[in-house]
Amino acid sequence: MAAERTYAAWVRTGLAALAAGIGARALLENIVPGWLAGATATVLILFSGFCFVAAVWREMIPIAPPRPDTQRLPAWLLISVNGFLAIAVLAALVGIWLQ
């Protein structure tokens, strides 16, 4: 179950960074120059994309010992869920720069 907890931690961190990036753009818009608000949001959103990719990468690493007594999550499920989240990251990037 440790692998699933690690996967969940990566996804949770990615979702938090995605929300923080969108929120930073909205909150900083009238406080700092637009390019700085956009850059801050971009860094946070790119970090969220990294977290989603790292979640799949970390889960797909074969581990030898100890052999878990439960089955691992299917690869197709990991890739499809995190692929959708990666698309959300791209949409957020487009949204913050075309606003």
C-alpha atoms as a PDB file:
ATOM      1  CA  MET A   1       0.000   0.000   0.000  1.00  0.00           C
ATOM      2  CA  ALA A   2       2.983   2.313   0.294  1.00  0.00           C
ATOM      3  CA  ALA A   3       3.153   2.686  -3.484  1.00  0.00           C
ATOM      4  CA  GLU A   4      -0.471   3.813  -3.622  1.00  0.00           C
ATOM      5  CA  ARG A   5       0.122   6.325  -0.841  1.00  0.00           C
ATOM      6  CA  THR A   6       3.106   7.727  -2.726  1.00  0.00           C
ATOM      7  CA  TYR A   7       1.059   7.954  -5.914  1.00  0.00           C
ATOM      8  CA  ALA A   8      -1.745   9.709  -4.044  1.00  0.00           C
ATOM      9  CA  ALA A   9       0.745  12.154  -2.517  1.00  0.00           C
ATOM     10  CA  TRP A  10       2.099  13.101  -5.950  1.00  0.00           C
ATOM     11  CA  VAL A  11      -1.392  13.621  -7.357  1.00  0.00           C
ATOM     12  CA  ARG A  12      -2.515  15.566  -4.276  1.00  0.00           C
ATOM     13  CA  THR A  13       0.517  17.837  -4.527  1.00  0.00           C
ATOM     14  CA  GLY A  14      -0.092  18.345  -8.238  1.00  0.00           C
ATOM     15  CA  LEU A  15      -3.728  19.286  -7.701  1.00  0.00           C
ATOM     16  CA  ALA A  16      -2.760  21.716  -4.943  1.00  0.00           C
ATOM     17  CA  ALA A  17      -0.123  23.332  -7.180  1.00  0.00           C
ATOM     18  CA  LEU A  18      -2.626  23.582 -10.041  1.00  0.00           C
ATOM     19  CA  ALA A  19      -5.172  25.299  -7.796  1.00  0.00           C
ATOM     20  CA  ALA A  20      -2.462  27.558  -6.363  1.00  0.00           C
ATOM     21  CA  GLY A  21      -1.343  28.563  -9.846  1.00  0.00           C
ATOM     22  CA  ILE A  22      -4.836  29.475 -10.947  1.00  0.00           C
ATOM     23  CA  GLY A  23      -5.449  31.274  -7.667  1.00  0.00           C
ATOM     24  CA  ALA A  24      -2.148  33.142  -7.859  1.00  0.00           C
ATOM     25  CA  ARG A  25      -3.053  34.496 -11.276  1.00  0.00           C
ATOM     26  CA  ALA A  26      -6.412  35.717 -10.024  1.00  0.00           C
ATOM     27  CA  LEU A  27      -5.128  37.179  -6.755  1.00  0.00           C
ATOM     28  CA  LEU A  28      -1.987  38.841  -8.091  1.00  0.00           C
ATOM     29  CA  GLU A  29      -3.554  40.304 -11.211  1.00  0.00           C
ATOM     30  CA  ASN A  30      -4.097  43.834  -9.838  1.00  0.00           C
ATOM     31  CA  ILE A  31      -1.263  43.809  -7.299  1.00  0.00           C
ATOM     32  CA  VAL A  32       1.830  43.095  -9.398  1.00  0.00           C
ATOM     33  CA  PRO A  33       2.554  43.528 -13.108  1.00  0.00           C
ATOM     34  CA  GLY A  34       0.660  41.100 -15.340  1.00  0.00           C
ATOM     35  CA  TRP A  35       3.787  39.327 -16.518  1.00  0.00           C
ATOM     36  CA  LEU A  36       4.827  38.580 -12.933  1.00  0.00           C
ATOM     37  CA  ALA A  37       1.406  37.186 -12.030  1.00  0.00           C
ATOM     38  CA  GLY A  38       1.495  35.083 -15.182  1.00  0.00           C
ATOM     39  CA  ALA A  39       5.017  33.852 -14.479  1.00  0.00           C
ATOM     40  CA  THR A  40       4.123  32.879 -10.915  1.00  0.00           C
ATOM     41  CA  ALA A  41       1.052  31.007 -12.093  1.00  0.00           C
ATOM     42  CA  THR A  42       3.036  29.341 -14.874  1.00  0.00           C
ATOM     43  CA  VAL A  43       5.697  28.023 -12.497  1.00  0.00           C
ATOM     44  CA  LEU A  44       3.075  26.571 -10.166  1.00  0.00           C
ATOM     45  CA  ILE A  45       1.080  25.027 -12.999  1.00  0.00           C
ATOM     46  CA  LEU A  46       4.194  23.546 -14.625  1.00  0.00           C
ATOM     47  CA  PHE A  47       5.125  22.073 -11.261  1.00  0.00           C
ATOM     48  CA  SER A  48       1.692  20.471 -11.093  1.00  0.00           C
ATOM     49  CA  GLY A  49       2.291  18.919 -14.510  1.00  0.00           C
ATOM     50  CA  PHE A  50       5.610  17.574 -13.263  1.00  0.00           C
ATOM     51  CA  CYS A  51       3.838  16.036 -10.258  1.00  0.00           C
ATOM     52  CA  PHE A  52       1.308  14.271 -12.484  1.00  0.00           C
ATOM     53  CA  VAL A  53       4.060  12.840 -14.688  1.00  0.00           C
ATOM     54  CA  ALA A  54       6.184  11.898 -11.675  1.00  0.00           C
ATOM     55  CA  ALA A  55       3.220  10.085 -10.117  1.00  0.00           C
ATOM     56  CA  VAL A  56       2.983   7.728 -13.081  1.00  0.00           C
ATOM     57  CA  TRP A  57       6.754   7.430 -13.439  1.00  0.00           C
ATOM     58  CA  ARG A  58       7.188   6.598  -9.745  1.00  0.00           C
ATOM     59  CA  GLU A  59       4.359   4.059  -9.796  1.00  0.00           C
ATOM     60  CA  MET A  60       5.686   2.304 -12.901  1.00  0.00           C
ATOM     61  CA  ILE A  61       9.166   1.670 -11.461  1.00  0.00           C
ATOM     62  CA  PRO A  62       9.422  -2.044 -10.839  1.00  0.00           C
ATOM     63  CA  ILE A  63      10.183  -2.882  -7.257  1.00  0.00           C
ATOM     64  CA  ALA A  64      11.630  -6.239  -6.320  1.00  0.00           C
ATOM     65  CA  PRO A  65      11.558  -6.745  -2.541  1.00  0.00           C
ATOM     66  CA  PRO A  66       9.382  -6.560  -0.608  1.00  0.00           C
ATOM     67  CA  ARG A  67       6.696  -8.103  -2.717  1.00  0.00           C
ATOM     68  CA  PRO A  68       3.404  -6.338  -1.934  1.00  0.00           C
ATOM     69  CA  ASP A  69       0.493  -8.517  -0.937  1.00  0.00           C
ATOM     70  CA  THR A  70      -1.926  -6.417  -3.008  1.00  0.00           C
ATOM     71  CA  GLN A  71      -1.987  -5.812  -6.729  1.00  0.00           C
ATOM     72  CA  ARG A  72      -0.632  -2.595  -8.149  1.00  0.00           C
ATOM     73  CA  LEU A  73      -2.894  -0.137  -9.885  1.00  0.00           C
ATOM     74  CA  PRO A  74      -3.288  -0.921 -13.598  1.00  0.00           C
ATOM     75  CA  ALA A  75      -1.019   1.079 -15.876  1.00  0.00           C
ATOM     76  CA  TRP A  76      -3.899   2.104 -18.161  1.00  0.00           C
ATOM     77  CA  LEU A  77      -5.708   3.653 -15.213  1.00  0.00           C
ATOM     78  CA  LEU A  78      -2.659   5.625 -14.076  1.00  0.00           C
ATOM     79  CA  ILE A  79      -1.905   6.900 -17.547  1.00  0.00           C
ATOM     80  CA  SER A  80      -5.497   7.832 -18.367  1.00  0.00           C
ATOM     81  CA  VAL A  81      -6.175   9.705 -15.109  1.00  0.00           C
ATOM     82  CA  ASN A  82      -2.869  11.539 -15.130  1.00  0.00           C
ATOM     83  CA  GLY A  83      -3.155  12.167 -18.862  1.00  0.00           C
ATOM     84  CA  PHE A  84      -6.447  13.929 -18.194  1.00  0.00           C
ATOM     85  CA  LEU A  85      -4.803  15.944 -15.420  1.00  0.00           C
ATOM     86  CA  ALA A  86      -1.955  16.880 -17.786  1.00  0.00           C
ATOM     87  CA  ILE A  87      -4.540  18.154 -20.284  1.00  0.00           C
ATOM     88  CA  ALA A  88      -6.054  20.225 -17.466  1.00  0.00           C
ATOM     89  CA  VAL A  89      -2.577  21.674 -16.830  1.00  0.00           C
ATOM     90  CA  LEU A  90      -2.255  22.687 -20.482  1.00  0.00           C
ATOM     91  CA  ALA A  91      -5.748  24.214 -20.436  1.00  0.00           C
ATOM     92  CA  ALA A  92      -4.866  26.188 -17.305  1.00  0.00           C
ATOM     93  CA  LEU A  93      -1.692  27.503 -18.922  1.00  0.00           C
ATOM     94  CA  VAL A  94      -3.599  28.585 -22.007  1.00  0.00           C
ATOM     95  CA  GLY A  95      -6.274  30.130 -19.808  1.00  0.00           C
ATOM     96  CA  ILE A  96      -3.910  32.229 -17.715  1.00  0.00           C
ATOM     97  CA  TRP A  97      -2.033  33.606 -20.709  1.00  0.00           C
ATOM     98  CA  LEU A  98      -5.051  34.308 -22.928  1.00  0.00           C
ATOM     99  CA  GLN A  99      -7.067  35.995 -20.203  1.00  0.00           C
END
